[in-house]
N, C-alpha and C. Protein backbone atom coordinates (compact mmCIF):
# COMPACT_ATOMS: atom_id res chain seq x y z
N MET A 1 0.82 -1.19 0.00
CA MET A 1 0.00 0.00 0.00
C MET A 1 0.87 1.26 0.00
N GLN A 2 1.97 1.23 0.74
CA GLN A 2 2.87 2.39 0.79
C GLN A 2 3.48 2.67 -0.58
N LYS A 3 3.81 1.58 -1.34
CA LYS A 3 4.39 1.76 -2.67
C LYS A 3 3.40 2.43 -3.61
N ILE A 4 2.14 2.04 -3.50
CA ILE A 4 1.11 2.62 -4.37
C ILE A 4 0.96 4.11 -4.07
N ILE A 5 0.92 4.46 -2.79
CA ILE A 5 0.80 5.87 -2.41
C ILE A 5 2.01 6.66 -2.89
N ARG A 6 3.20 6.07 -2.75
CA ARG A 6 4.44 6.73 -3.21
C ARG A 6 4.39 6.93 -4.72
N ASP A 7 3.98 5.89 -5.47
CA ASP A 7 3.91 5.99 -6.92
C ASP A 7 2.87 7.01 -7.37
N VAL A 8 1.73 7.05 -6.70
CA VAL A 8 0.68 8.03 -7.04
C VAL A 8 1.22 9.44 -6.86
N LYS A 9 1.94 9.69 -5.79
CA LYS A 9 2.52 11.02 -5.56
C LYS A 9 3.53 11.36 -6.65
N ILE A 10 4.31 10.39 -7.07
CA ILE A 10 5.28 10.62 -8.14
C ILE A 10 4.56 10.92 -9.45
N PHE A 11 3.54 10.14 -9.77
CA PHE A 11 2.81 10.35 -11.03
C PHE A 11 2.10 11.69 -11.05
N LEU A 12 1.62 12.15 -9.90
CA LEU A 12 0.93 13.44 -9.82
C LEU A 12 1.87 14.60 -10.12
N SER A 13 3.17 14.39 -9.97
CA SER A 13 4.13 15.46 -10.26
C SER A 13 4.39 15.63 -11.76
N ILE A 14 3.83 14.74 -12.58
CA ILE A 14 4.03 14.79 -14.02
C ILE A 14 2.88 15.57 -14.66
N THR A 15 3.22 16.48 -15.54
CA THR A 15 2.21 17.29 -16.23
C THR A 15 1.25 16.40 -17.00
N GLY A 16 -0.05 16.63 -16.80
CA GLY A 16 -1.07 15.91 -17.55
C GLY A 16 -1.70 14.76 -16.79
N ILE A 17 -1.14 14.39 -15.66
CA ILE A 17 -1.67 13.25 -14.90
C ILE A 17 -2.41 13.76 -13.67
N ASP A 18 -3.69 13.40 -13.59
CA ASP A 18 -4.51 13.78 -12.44
C ASP A 18 -4.61 12.60 -11.47
N ILE A 19 -5.39 12.75 -10.41
CA ILE A 19 -5.46 11.73 -9.36
C ILE A 19 -6.00 10.40 -9.89
N PHE A 20 -7.06 10.45 -10.70
CA PHE A 20 -7.62 9.21 -11.25
C PHE A 20 -6.61 8.50 -12.14
N SER A 21 -5.94 9.27 -13.01
CA SER A 21 -4.93 8.69 -13.91
C SER A 21 -3.78 8.10 -13.11
N ALA A 22 -3.32 8.82 -12.11
CA ALA A 22 -2.21 8.34 -11.29
C ALA A 22 -2.57 7.04 -10.57
N MET A 23 -3.79 6.97 -10.05
CA MET A 23 -4.21 5.75 -9.35
C MET A 23 -4.34 4.58 -10.32
N LEU A 24 -4.90 4.83 -11.51
CA LEU A 24 -5.05 3.76 -12.49
C LEU A 24 -3.69 3.28 -12.98
N ILE A 25 -2.79 4.21 -13.26
CA ILE A 25 -1.45 3.84 -13.72
C ILE A 25 -0.72 3.03 -12.65
N SER A 26 -0.79 3.47 -11.40
CA SER A 26 -0.06 2.77 -10.34
C SER A 26 -0.65 1.39 -10.07
N THR A 27 -1.97 1.22 -10.19
CA THR A 27 -2.55 -0.11 -9.96
C THR A 27 -2.29 -1.05 -11.13
N GLU A 28 -2.20 -0.52 -12.33
CA GLU A 28 -1.89 -1.37 -13.49
C GLU A 28 -0.42 -1.78 -13.52
N ILE A 29 0.45 -0.85 -13.17
CA ILE A 29 1.89 -1.14 -13.21
C ILE A 29 2.31 -1.96 -11.98
N VAL A 30 1.63 -1.80 -10.88
CA VAL A 30 1.90 -2.43 -9.59
C VAL A 30 3.17 -1.87 -8.97
N ASP A 31 4.33 -2.24 -9.47
CA ASP A 31 5.59 -1.71 -8.94
C ASP A 31 6.45 -1.27 -10.12
N ILE A 32 6.62 0.00 -10.27
CA ILE A 32 7.36 0.54 -11.42
C ILE A 32 8.83 0.15 -11.38
N MET A 33 9.34 -0.18 -10.22
CA MET A 33 10.75 -0.55 -10.09
C MET A 33 11.07 -1.90 -10.73
N ARG A 34 10.06 -2.67 -11.12
CA ARG A 34 10.33 -3.97 -11.76
C ARG A 34 10.76 -3.80 -13.21
N PHE A 35 10.61 -2.59 -13.76
CA PHE A 35 11.07 -2.31 -15.11
C PHE A 35 12.45 -1.68 -15.05
N SER A 36 13.42 -2.33 -15.65
CA SER A 36 14.79 -1.83 -15.55
C SER A 36 15.05 -0.64 -16.47
N THR A 37 14.30 -0.53 -17.56
CA THR A 37 14.45 0.61 -18.47
C THR A 37 13.08 1.17 -18.83
N PRO A 38 13.03 2.44 -19.26
CA PRO A 38 11.74 3.00 -19.69
C PRO A 38 11.14 2.25 -20.87
N TRP A 39 11.98 1.71 -21.75
CA TRP A 39 11.45 1.01 -22.93
C TRP A 39 10.79 -0.31 -22.57
N LYS A 40 11.19 -0.91 -21.46
CA LYS A 40 10.49 -2.12 -21.01
C LYS A 40 9.09 -1.77 -20.51
N LEU A 41 8.95 -0.60 -19.90
CA LEU A 41 7.63 -0.12 -19.50
C LEU A 41 6.78 0.18 -20.73
N VAL A 42 7.36 0.82 -21.73
CA VAL A 42 6.65 1.12 -22.98
C VAL A 42 6.18 -0.17 -23.64
N SER A 43 7.01 -1.18 -23.63
CA SER A 43 6.63 -2.48 -24.19
C SER A 43 5.50 -3.12 -23.39
N TYR A 44 5.56 -3.01 -22.06
CA TYR A 44 4.52 -3.57 -21.20
C TYR A 44 3.17 -2.89 -21.46
N VAL A 45 3.21 -1.59 -21.69
CA VAL A 45 1.98 -0.84 -21.96
C VAL A 45 1.41 -1.22 -23.32
N GLY A 46 2.26 -1.63 -24.25
CA GLY A 46 1.80 -1.99 -25.59
C GLY A 46 2.00 -0.87 -26.59
N LEU A 47 2.89 0.07 -26.29
CA LEU A 47 3.14 1.20 -27.17
C LEU A 47 4.40 1.02 -28.00
N ALA A 48 5.04 -0.13 -27.89
CA ALA A 48 6.24 -0.39 -28.67
C ALA A 48 5.85 -0.67 -30.12
N PRO A 49 6.65 -0.22 -31.08
CA PRO A 49 6.31 -0.47 -32.48
C PRO A 49 6.52 -1.94 -32.84
N SER A 50 5.69 -2.43 -33.75
CA SER A 50 5.88 -3.80 -34.22
C SER A 50 7.04 -3.79 -35.23
N ILE A 51 7.84 -4.84 -35.19
CA ILE A 51 8.99 -4.94 -36.07
C ILE A 51 8.93 -6.29 -36.77
N ARG A 52 9.04 -6.25 -38.09
CA ARG A 52 9.06 -7.48 -38.88
C ARG A 52 10.37 -7.52 -39.65
N GLU A 53 11.09 -8.62 -39.50
CA GLU A 53 12.37 -8.77 -40.19
C GLU A 53 12.33 -10.02 -41.05
N SER A 54 12.82 -9.86 -42.27
CA SER A 54 12.89 -11.00 -43.17
C SER A 54 13.96 -10.73 -44.22
N SER A 55 14.85 -11.65 -44.37
CA SER A 55 15.94 -11.60 -45.36
C SER A 55 16.65 -10.25 -45.41
N GLY A 56 17.03 -9.76 -44.24
CA GLY A 56 17.80 -8.53 -44.16
C GLY A 56 16.99 -7.25 -44.21
N LYS A 57 15.69 -7.34 -44.39
CA LYS A 57 14.84 -6.16 -44.41
C LYS A 57 14.13 -6.02 -43.07
N THR A 58 14.02 -4.80 -42.60
CA THR A 58 13.32 -4.52 -41.35
C THR A 58 12.17 -3.55 -41.64
N ILE A 59 10.97 -3.95 -41.24
CA ILE A 59 9.79 -3.12 -41.43
C ILE A 59 9.23 -2.78 -40.06
N THR A 60 9.12 -1.48 -39.79
CA THR A 60 8.57 -1.02 -38.51
C THR A 60 7.13 -0.60 -38.74
N GLY A 61 6.24 -1.15 -37.92
CA GLY A 61 4.82 -0.85 -38.06
C GLY A 61 4.29 -0.04 -36.90
N GLY A 62 2.99 -0.10 -36.71
CA GLY A 62 2.34 0.62 -35.64
C GLY A 62 2.56 -0.05 -34.29
N ILE A 63 1.88 0.44 -33.27
CA ILE A 63 2.05 -0.11 -31.94
C ILE A 63 1.51 -1.54 -31.89
N THR A 64 2.06 -2.34 -31.00
CA THR A 64 1.69 -3.75 -30.94
C THR A 64 0.34 -3.99 -30.28
N LYS A 65 -0.06 -3.09 -29.40
CA LYS A 65 -1.30 -3.19 -28.63
C LYS A 65 -1.33 -4.43 -27.73
N GLN A 66 -0.16 -5.01 -27.49
CA GLN A 66 -0.07 -6.08 -26.51
C GLN A 66 0.25 -5.42 -25.18
N GLY A 67 -0.37 -5.89 -24.14
CA GLY A 67 -0.17 -5.27 -22.84
C GLY A 67 -1.48 -4.76 -22.30
N SER A 68 -1.40 -3.81 -21.42
CA SER A 68 -2.57 -3.32 -20.71
C SER A 68 -3.37 -2.32 -21.55
N PRO A 69 -4.61 -2.67 -21.93
CA PRO A 69 -5.43 -1.70 -22.66
C PRO A 69 -5.82 -0.51 -21.79
N TRP A 70 -5.89 -0.72 -20.48
CA TRP A 70 -6.24 0.37 -19.57
C TRP A 70 -5.15 1.44 -19.54
N LEU A 71 -3.90 1.01 -19.57
CA LEU A 71 -2.81 1.98 -19.57
C LEU A 71 -2.79 2.78 -20.87
N ARG A 72 -3.00 2.09 -21.99
CA ARG A 72 -3.05 2.82 -23.26
C ARG A 72 -4.24 3.79 -23.26
N TRP A 73 -5.36 3.35 -22.71
CA TRP A 73 -6.56 4.18 -22.68
C TRP A 73 -6.36 5.44 -21.84
N ILE A 74 -5.68 5.34 -20.71
CA ILE A 74 -5.51 6.49 -19.83
C ILE A 74 -4.35 7.39 -20.27
N LEU A 75 -3.36 6.84 -20.96
CA LEU A 75 -2.22 7.66 -21.37
C LEU A 75 -2.56 8.65 -22.48
N VAL A 76 -3.57 8.34 -23.30
CA VAL A 76 -3.92 9.27 -24.39
C VAL A 76 -4.45 10.60 -23.84
N PRO A 77 -5.46 10.61 -22.94
CA PRO A 77 -5.87 11.92 -22.41
C PRO A 77 -4.78 12.61 -21.59
N CYS A 78 -3.96 11.83 -20.90
CA CYS A 78 -2.83 12.43 -20.16
C CYS A 78 -1.88 13.11 -21.13
N GLU A 79 -1.64 12.46 -22.25
CA GLU A 79 -0.74 13.01 -23.25
C GLU A 79 -1.32 14.27 -23.86
N LEU A 80 -2.63 14.30 -24.10
CA LEU A 80 -3.26 15.48 -24.69
C LEU A 80 -3.16 16.70 -23.76
N VAL A 81 -3.33 16.46 -22.47
CA VAL A 81 -3.18 17.55 -21.50
C VAL A 81 -1.71 17.97 -21.40
N ALA A 82 -0.82 16.98 -21.43
CA ALA A 82 0.61 17.28 -21.30
C ALA A 82 1.11 18.14 -22.45
N ILE A 83 0.68 17.85 -23.68
CA ILE A 83 1.17 18.65 -24.80
C ILE A 83 0.58 20.06 -24.78
N LYS A 84 -0.51 20.22 -24.06
CA LYS A 84 -1.11 21.56 -23.94
C LYS A 84 -0.32 22.45 -22.98
N TYR A 85 0.26 21.85 -21.94
CA TYR A 85 0.91 22.64 -20.89
C TYR A 85 2.43 22.47 -20.81
N ASP A 86 2.99 21.46 -21.42
CA ASP A 86 4.43 21.22 -21.36
C ASP A 86 5.04 21.56 -22.73
N THR A 87 5.88 22.58 -22.76
CA THR A 87 6.42 23.03 -24.04
C THR A 87 7.34 22.00 -24.68
N HIS A 88 8.11 21.26 -23.88
CA HIS A 88 9.00 20.24 -24.44
C HIS A 88 8.21 19.14 -25.13
N LEU A 89 7.14 18.68 -24.49
CA LEU A 89 6.30 17.66 -25.11
C LEU A 89 5.59 18.21 -26.34
N ARG A 90 5.21 19.48 -26.31
CA ARG A 90 4.53 20.08 -27.47
C ARG A 90 5.48 20.15 -28.67
N ILE A 91 6.71 20.54 -28.44
CA ILE A 91 7.70 20.61 -29.51
C ILE A 91 7.95 19.22 -30.08
N PHE A 92 8.11 18.23 -29.19
CA PHE A 92 8.32 16.84 -29.62
C PHE A 92 7.12 16.35 -30.44
N TYR A 93 5.90 16.64 -29.95
CA TYR A 93 4.68 16.22 -30.64
C TYR A 93 4.58 16.87 -32.02
N ASP A 94 4.86 18.15 -32.12
CA ASP A 94 4.79 18.84 -33.42
C ASP A 94 5.80 18.27 -34.40
N ARG A 95 7.00 17.97 -33.92
CA ARG A 95 8.02 17.40 -34.79
C ARG A 95 7.60 16.03 -35.30
N LYS A 96 7.07 15.19 -34.40
CA LYS A 96 6.62 13.85 -34.80
C LYS A 96 5.41 13.93 -35.72
N LYS A 97 4.56 14.90 -35.50
CA LYS A 97 3.37 15.06 -36.34
C LYS A 97 3.75 15.42 -37.77
N GLN A 98 4.82 16.21 -37.93
CA GLN A 98 5.29 16.55 -39.27
C GLN A 98 5.93 15.34 -39.95
N GLU A 99 6.64 14.52 -39.16
CA GLU A 99 7.31 13.35 -39.73
C GLU A 99 6.30 12.28 -40.15
N ARG A 100 5.46 11.87 -39.20
CA ARG A 100 4.47 10.81 -39.45
C ARG A 100 3.21 11.14 -38.65
N PRO A 101 2.23 11.78 -39.26
CA PRO A 101 1.05 12.25 -38.52
C PRO A 101 0.30 11.17 -37.75
N CYS A 102 0.23 9.96 -38.30
CA CYS A 102 -0.58 8.94 -37.64
C CYS A 102 0.09 8.36 -36.39
N TYR A 103 1.39 8.59 -36.21
CA TYR A 103 2.11 8.03 -35.06
C TYR A 103 2.42 9.05 -33.97
N SER A 104 2.00 10.29 -34.15
CA SER A 104 2.41 11.35 -33.22
C SER A 104 1.86 11.12 -31.81
N HIS A 105 0.61 10.65 -31.67
CA HIS A 105 0.04 10.42 -30.34
C HIS A 105 0.72 9.26 -29.64
N SER A 106 1.00 8.17 -30.36
CA SER A 106 1.66 7.04 -29.70
C SER A 106 3.07 7.41 -29.27
N CYS A 107 3.75 8.25 -30.05
CA CYS A 107 5.09 8.69 -29.65
C CYS A 107 5.04 9.51 -28.38
N ASN A 108 4.05 10.38 -28.26
CA ASN A 108 3.94 11.20 -27.07
C ASN A 108 3.49 10.38 -25.87
N CYS A 109 2.64 9.39 -26.08
CA CYS A 109 2.25 8.50 -24.97
C CYS A 109 3.46 7.74 -24.46
N LYS A 110 4.34 7.34 -25.38
CA LYS A 110 5.59 6.68 -24.97
C LYS A 110 6.42 7.63 -24.13
N ARG A 111 6.46 8.90 -24.54
CA ARG A 111 7.24 9.89 -23.81
C ARG A 111 6.68 10.09 -22.40
N VAL A 112 5.34 10.13 -22.26
CA VAL A 112 4.71 10.27 -20.94
C VAL A 112 5.02 9.04 -20.10
N ALA A 113 4.97 7.84 -20.68
CA ALA A 113 5.30 6.62 -19.95
C ALA A 113 6.77 6.65 -19.50
N CYS A 114 7.64 7.17 -20.34
CA CYS A 114 9.05 7.27 -19.95
C CYS A 114 9.24 8.29 -18.84
N TYR A 115 8.48 9.38 -18.86
CA TYR A 115 8.53 10.34 -17.76
C TYR A 115 8.13 9.68 -16.45
N CYS A 116 7.11 8.83 -16.51
CA CYS A 116 6.68 8.10 -15.30
C CYS A 116 7.85 7.27 -14.76
N MET A 117 8.53 6.60 -15.66
CA MET A 117 9.63 5.73 -15.27
C MET A 117 10.78 6.54 -14.68
N VAL A 118 11.13 7.62 -15.33
CA VAL A 118 12.27 8.43 -14.88
C VAL A 118 11.98 9.07 -13.53
N HIS A 119 10.76 9.59 -13.36
CA HIS A 119 10.39 10.21 -12.08
C HIS A 119 10.36 9.20 -10.94
N ALA A 120 10.08 7.95 -11.26
CA ALA A 120 10.00 6.95 -10.20
C ALA A 120 11.37 6.51 -9.71
N HIS A 121 12.38 6.60 -10.57
CA HIS A 121 13.72 6.15 -10.16
C HIS A 121 14.44 7.25 -9.52
């Protein structure tokens, strides 16, 4: 119970995450310290890109959607609020939107998930 309260407080310090989002994220992740890198958390959430390799060719696709649907569901509104108030995330989002418009939200959700990981350590 103490870990959940500690994680909720950490998540609340991140722009775009409110009390409901922080509680849902902390209950879905359980213990954020079990992920050794932010990318392992991104993979757990299901925001990692799919990769297909065959005969020396690598094709990167959309998100795998494997993992917690609740985390993906809550990270999108958190990301939308974060890009509204955090200039660094807004710049990152605009750059990704110019590169590949259909992937800009998943890239920013990954960034919010990585912020969660970094703030927890």
